[in-house]
Amino acid sequence: MSSVKTKIILLLTAFIANNAFALEITNYSVRYSGAVHNVTVAFDDLGKSAVVRCVIRKKAIIKNKGKPVGMAEDVIKGVGTIVIFIEGGITEDTEVECLELK
């Protein structure tokens, strides 16, 4: 039984360690008729530096993810803003998703 407890503790520790440097979108703004999207992201640990990719999607009508319309990636050091340009803009509602590239 202690083997199962040990495995559970190890899994929980790994999960917590993996999310210790979580990435959060702190601001998302759209300008110029949807042509410029500013996405500010921050790591919990401001000393962390990593490549981050953000994808702009049309807002989904149902629970599935909407169609991607723009993407950019950049090195973020603690906190930073990724600017995504969409040629011609987009007038529909959008949402953003960002993730750290390993």
N, C-alpha and C. Protein backbone atom coordinates (compact mmCIF):
# COMPACT_ATOMS: atom_id res chain seq x y z
N MET A 1 0.82 -1.20 0.00
CA MET A 1 0.00 0.00 0.00
C MET A 1 0.86 1.26 0.00
N SER A 2 2.03 1.21 0.66
CA SER A 2 2.88 2.40 0.71
C SER A 2 3.45 2.71 -0.66
N SER A 3 3.59 1.71 -1.53
CA SER A 3 4.07 1.93 -2.89
C SER A 3 3.08 2.80 -3.68
N VAL A 4 1.80 2.56 -3.50
CA VAL A 4 0.76 3.35 -4.16
C VAL A 4 0.79 4.79 -3.64
N LYS A 5 0.92 4.93 -2.33
CA LYS A 5 0.98 6.27 -1.73
C LYS A 5 2.20 7.02 -2.25
N THR A 6 3.33 6.34 -2.36
CA THR A 6 4.55 6.96 -2.85
C THR A 6 4.37 7.43 -4.29
N LYS A 7 3.74 6.61 -5.12
CA LYS A 7 3.50 6.99 -6.51
C LYS A 7 2.57 8.19 -6.61
N ILE A 8 1.55 8.22 -5.79
CA ILE A 8 0.61 9.34 -5.79
C ILE A 8 1.33 10.62 -5.37
N ILE A 9 2.13 10.55 -4.35
CA ILE A 9 2.88 11.71 -3.88
C ILE A 9 3.84 12.20 -4.96
N LEU A 10 4.52 11.26 -5.62
CA LEU A 10 5.45 11.64 -6.70
C LEU A 10 4.71 12.29 -7.86
N LEU A 11 3.54 11.77 -8.23
CA LEU A 11 2.76 12.36 -9.31
C LEU A 11 2.29 13.77 -8.95
N LEU A 12 1.82 13.94 -7.73
CA LEU A 12 1.39 15.27 -7.29
C LEU A 12 2.55 16.25 -7.27
N THR A 13 3.71 15.81 -6.80
CA THR A 13 4.89 16.66 -6.77
C THR A 13 5.30 17.06 -8.18
N ALA A 14 5.28 16.11 -9.11
CA ALA A 14 5.63 16.41 -10.50
C ALA A 14 4.64 17.38 -11.11
N PHE A 15 3.35 17.21 -10.82
CA PHE A 15 2.33 18.12 -11.34
C PHE A 15 2.53 19.53 -10.81
N ILE A 16 2.78 19.66 -9.53
CA ILE A 16 2.99 20.97 -8.92
C ILE A 16 4.26 21.62 -9.47
N ALA A 17 5.32 20.84 -9.61
CA ALA A 17 6.58 21.38 -10.15
C ALA A 17 6.41 21.81 -11.59
N ASN A 18 5.63 21.08 -12.36
CA ASN A 18 5.40 21.42 -13.75
C ASN A 18 4.63 22.72 -13.89
N ASN A 19 3.72 22.99 -12.97
CA ASN A 19 2.91 24.20 -13.03
C ASN A 19 3.47 25.34 -12.18
N ALA A 20 4.64 25.15 -11.60
CA ALA A 20 5.22 26.17 -10.74
C ALA A 20 5.55 27.44 -11.51
N PHE A 21 5.86 27.29 -12.79
CA PHE A 21 6.19 28.45 -13.61
C PHE A 21 5.07 28.70 -14.62
N ALA A 22 3.86 28.69 -14.15
CA ALA A 22 2.70 28.80 -15.02
C ALA A 22 2.71 30.12 -15.79
N LEU A 23 2.21 30.05 -17.00
CA LEU A 23 2.09 31.20 -17.88
C LEU A 23 0.65 31.71 -17.82
N GLU A 24 0.49 33.01 -17.69
CA GLU A 24 -0.85 33.59 -17.58
C GLU A 24 -0.97 34.76 -18.55
N ILE A 25 -2.11 34.85 -19.23
CA ILE A 25 -2.41 36.01 -20.06
C ILE A 25 -2.96 37.08 -19.12
N THR A 26 -2.25 38.21 -19.02
CA THR A 26 -2.66 39.26 -18.09
C THR A 26 -3.43 40.38 -18.76
N ASN A 27 -3.30 40.50 -20.10
CA ASN A 27 -4.05 41.52 -20.82
C ASN A 27 -4.14 41.12 -22.29
N TYR A 28 -5.30 41.42 -22.89
CA TYR A 28 -5.49 41.16 -24.32
C TYR A 28 -6.29 42.32 -24.87
N SER A 29 -5.71 43.04 -25.84
CA SER A 29 -6.42 44.16 -26.44
C SER A 29 -6.30 44.11 -27.95
N VAL A 30 -7.31 44.68 -28.61
CA VAL A 30 -7.38 44.69 -30.07
C VAL A 30 -7.53 46.14 -30.53
N ARG A 31 -6.74 46.51 -31.55
CA ARG A 31 -6.79 47.88 -32.08
C ARG A 31 -6.89 47.85 -33.60
N TYR A 32 -7.21 49.02 -34.14
CA TYR A 32 -7.22 49.24 -35.59
C TYR A 32 -8.06 48.20 -36.33
N SER A 33 -9.34 48.14 -35.95
CA SER A 33 -10.31 47.25 -36.60
C SER A 33 -9.86 45.80 -36.65
N GLY A 34 -9.20 45.36 -35.60
CA GLY A 34 -8.79 43.96 -35.49
C GLY A 34 -7.51 43.62 -36.22
N ALA A 35 -6.74 44.64 -36.65
CA ALA A 35 -5.49 44.38 -37.35
C ALA A 35 -4.33 44.15 -36.39
N VAL A 36 -4.39 44.75 -35.19
CA VAL A 36 -3.31 44.63 -34.21
C VAL A 36 -3.87 44.06 -32.91
N HIS A 37 -3.27 42.96 -32.48
CA HIS A 37 -3.68 42.31 -31.23
C HIS A 37 -2.48 42.32 -30.29
N ASN A 38 -2.63 42.90 -29.11
CA ASN A 38 -1.58 42.94 -28.10
C ASN A 38 -1.93 41.94 -27.00
N VAL A 39 -1.00 41.01 -26.75
CA VAL A 39 -1.22 39.98 -25.74
C VAL A 39 -0.08 40.08 -24.72
N THR A 40 -0.42 40.47 -23.50
CA THR A 40 0.58 40.54 -22.43
C THR A 40 0.49 39.27 -21.61
N VAL A 41 1.64 38.62 -21.45
CA VAL A 41 1.71 37.38 -20.69
C VAL A 41 2.75 37.51 -19.58
N ALA A 42 2.58 36.70 -18.54
CA ALA A 42 3.52 36.73 -17.42
C ALA A 42 3.68 35.33 -16.85
N PHE A 43 4.91 35.04 -16.43
CA PHE A 43 5.19 33.82 -15.70
C PHE A 43 5.02 34.10 -14.21
N ASP A 44 4.64 33.09 -13.45
CA ASP A 44 4.57 33.25 -11.99
C ASP A 44 5.94 33.63 -11.44
N ASP A 45 6.98 33.03 -11.98
CA ASP A 45 8.35 33.35 -11.59
C ASP A 45 8.88 34.38 -12.58
N LEU A 46 9.02 35.62 -12.16
CA LEU A 46 9.45 36.69 -13.06
C LEU A 46 10.88 36.52 -13.55
N GLY A 47 11.64 35.61 -12.96
CA GLY A 47 12.99 35.33 -13.41
C GLY A 47 13.04 34.32 -14.55
N LYS A 48 11.90 33.73 -14.89
CA LYS A 48 11.85 32.72 -15.95
C LYS A 48 11.84 33.38 -17.33
N SER A 49 12.50 32.74 -18.26
CA SER A 49 12.56 33.21 -19.64
C SER A 49 12.28 32.02 -20.55
N ALA A 50 11.40 32.20 -21.54
CA ALA A 50 11.05 31.11 -22.44
C ALA A 50 10.41 31.66 -23.70
N VAL A 51 10.39 30.82 -24.73
CA VAL A 51 9.69 31.17 -25.97
C VAL A 51 8.21 30.88 -25.75
N VAL A 52 7.36 31.87 -26.09
CA VAL A 52 5.92 31.76 -25.91
C VAL A 52 5.24 31.97 -27.26
N ARG A 53 4.28 31.12 -27.57
CA ARG A 53 3.48 31.27 -28.79
C ARG A 53 2.05 31.62 -28.40
N CYS A 54 1.51 32.64 -29.05
CA CYS A 54 0.11 33.02 -28.86
C CYS A 54 -0.64 32.87 -30.17
N VAL A 55 -1.84 32.32 -30.10
CA VAL A 55 -2.69 32.11 -31.28
C VAL A 55 -3.99 32.87 -31.08
N ILE A 56 -4.35 33.68 -32.07
CA ILE A 56 -5.63 34.39 -32.07
C ILE A 56 -6.62 33.52 -32.84
N ARG A 57 -7.80 33.32 -32.27
CA ARG A 57 -8.83 32.50 -32.91
C ARG A 57 -10.14 33.27 -32.95
N LYS A 58 -10.94 32.97 -33.96
CA LYS A 58 -12.32 33.46 -33.96
C LYS A 58 -13.00 32.82 -32.78
N LYS A 59 -13.83 33.58 -32.09
CA LYS A 59 -14.52 33.03 -30.93
C LYS A 59 -15.47 31.92 -31.37
N ALA A 60 -15.37 30.78 -30.71
CA ALA A 60 -16.18 29.62 -31.08
C ALA A 60 -17.62 29.79 -30.64
N ILE A 61 -18.53 29.34 -31.48
CA ILE A 61 -19.96 29.38 -31.14
C ILE A 61 -20.28 28.27 -30.16
N ILE A 62 -19.68 27.10 -30.38
CA ILE A 62 -19.85 26.00 -29.44
C ILE A 62 -18.56 25.85 -28.65
N LYS A 63 -18.45 24.83 -27.84
CA LYS A 63 -17.32 24.70 -26.93
C LYS A 63 -15.99 24.38 -27.60
N ASN A 64 -16.00 23.99 -28.87
CA ASN A 64 -14.75 23.70 -29.57
C ASN A 64 -13.95 24.98 -29.76
N LYS A 65 -12.67 24.85 -30.05
CA LYS A 65 -11.85 26.01 -30.32
C LYS A 65 -12.22 26.59 -31.68
N GLY A 66 -12.17 27.93 -31.77
CA GLY A 66 -12.47 28.59 -33.02
C GLY A 66 -11.32 28.46 -34.00
N LYS A 67 -11.56 28.91 -35.21
CA LYS A 67 -10.58 28.84 -36.29
C LYS A 67 -9.44 29.83 -36.03
N PRO A 68 -8.18 29.40 -36.16
CA PRO A 68 -7.06 30.33 -35.95
C PRO A 68 -6.99 31.36 -37.08
N VAL A 69 -6.70 32.62 -36.71
CA VAL A 69 -6.59 33.69 -37.70
C VAL A 69 -5.26 34.43 -37.61
N GLY A 70 -4.49 34.18 -36.55
CA GLY A 70 -3.19 34.84 -36.40
C GLY A 70 -2.36 34.16 -35.33
N MET A 71 -1.03 34.29 -35.47
CA MET A 71 -0.13 33.64 -34.51
C MET A 71 1.20 34.37 -34.51
N ALA A 72 1.82 34.41 -33.33
CA ALA A 72 3.18 34.95 -33.21
C ALA A 72 3.84 34.30 -32.02
N GLU A 73 5.18 34.29 -32.04
CA GLU A 73 5.92 33.78 -30.89
C GLU A 73 7.11 34.68 -30.65
N ASP A 74 7.51 34.74 -29.37
CA ASP A 74 8.61 35.61 -28.97
C ASP A 74 9.18 35.09 -27.66
N VAL A 75 10.39 35.54 -27.34
CA VAL A 75 11.00 35.20 -26.06
C VAL A 75 10.42 36.16 -25.02
N ILE A 76 9.88 35.60 -23.95
CA ILE A 76 9.32 36.40 -22.85
C ILE A 76 10.22 36.21 -21.64
N LYS A 77 10.63 37.31 -21.05
CA LYS A 77 11.46 37.29 -19.85
C LYS A 77 10.62 37.82 -18.69
N GLY A 78 9.98 36.92 -17.97
CA GLY A 78 9.14 37.30 -16.84
C GLY A 78 7.78 37.78 -17.27
N VAL A 79 7.74 39.00 -17.84
CA VAL A 79 6.51 39.60 -18.36
C VAL A 79 6.82 40.23 -19.70
N GLY A 80 5.90 40.11 -20.65
CA GLY A 80 6.13 40.73 -21.95
C GLY A 80 4.88 40.75 -22.77
N THR A 81 4.92 41.53 -23.86
CA THR A 81 3.78 41.66 -24.76
C THR A 81 4.16 41.13 -26.13
N ILE A 82 3.31 40.28 -26.66
CA ILE A 82 3.45 39.76 -28.01
C ILE A 82 2.43 40.49 -28.88
N VAL A 83 2.91 41.09 -29.96
CA VAL A 83 2.03 41.83 -30.88
C VAL A 83 1.80 40.96 -32.10
N ILE A 84 0.52 40.76 -32.42
CA ILE A 84 0.14 39.93 -33.57
C ILE A 84 -0.59 40.81 -34.57
N PHE A 85 -0.07 40.86 -35.80
CA PHE A 85 -0.68 41.64 -36.88
C PHE A 85 -1.48 40.71 -37.76
N ILE A 86 -2.73 41.11 -38.06
CA ILE A 86 -3.58 40.35 -38.96
C ILE A 86 -3.91 41.25 -40.14
N GLU A 87 -3.37 40.90 -41.30
CA GLU A 87 -3.57 41.70 -42.51
C GLU A 87 -5.05 41.88 -42.80
N GLY A 88 -5.49 43.11 -42.92
CA GLY A 88 -6.89 43.41 -43.20
C GLY A 88 -7.77 43.43 -41.96
N GLY A 89 -7.24 42.97 -40.84
CA GLY A 89 -8.00 42.96 -39.59
C GLY A 89 -9.04 41.87 -39.56
N ILE A 90 -9.72 41.80 -38.44
CA ILE A 90 -10.81 40.83 -38.27
C ILE A 90 -11.88 41.49 -37.42
N THR A 91 -13.10 41.52 -37.94
CA THR A 91 -14.18 42.23 -37.26
C THR A 91 -14.96 41.34 -36.30
N GLU A 92 -14.74 40.04 -36.38
CA GLU A 92 -15.46 39.11 -35.51
C GLU A 92 -14.82 39.08 -34.12
N ASP A 93 -15.57 38.59 -33.12
CA ASP A 93 -15.02 38.42 -31.78
C ASP A 93 -13.88 37.41 -31.82
N THR A 94 -12.83 37.70 -31.06
CA THR A 94 -11.67 36.80 -31.04
C THR A 94 -11.33 36.43 -29.60
N GLU A 95 -10.53 35.39 -29.48
CA GLU A 95 -9.98 34.96 -28.20
C GLU A 95 -8.53 34.56 -28.43
N VAL A 96 -7.77 34.51 -27.36
CA VAL A 96 -6.34 34.22 -27.49
C VAL A 96 -5.96 33.05 -26.58
N GLU A 97 -5.00 32.27 -27.05
CA GLU A 97 -4.44 31.17 -26.25
C GLU A 97 -2.94 31.24 -26.39
N CYS A 98 -2.22 31.17 -25.28
CA CYS A 98 -0.75 31.20 -25.30
C CYS A 98 -0.20 29.98 -24.59
N LEU A 99 0.96 29.52 -25.09
CA LEU A 99 1.62 28.41 -24.43
C LEU A 99 3.13 28.56 -24.57
N GLU A 100 3.81 27.97 -23.61
CA GLU A 100 5.26 27.98 -23.61
C GLU A 100 5.76 26.88 -24.51
N LEU A 101 6.69 27.20 -25.41
CA LEU A 101 7.29 26.20 -26.28
C LEU A 101 8.48 25.59 -25.57
N LYS A 102 8.58 24.30 -25.60
CA LYS A 102 9.68 23.60 -24.90
C LYS A 102 10.80 23.32 -25.86
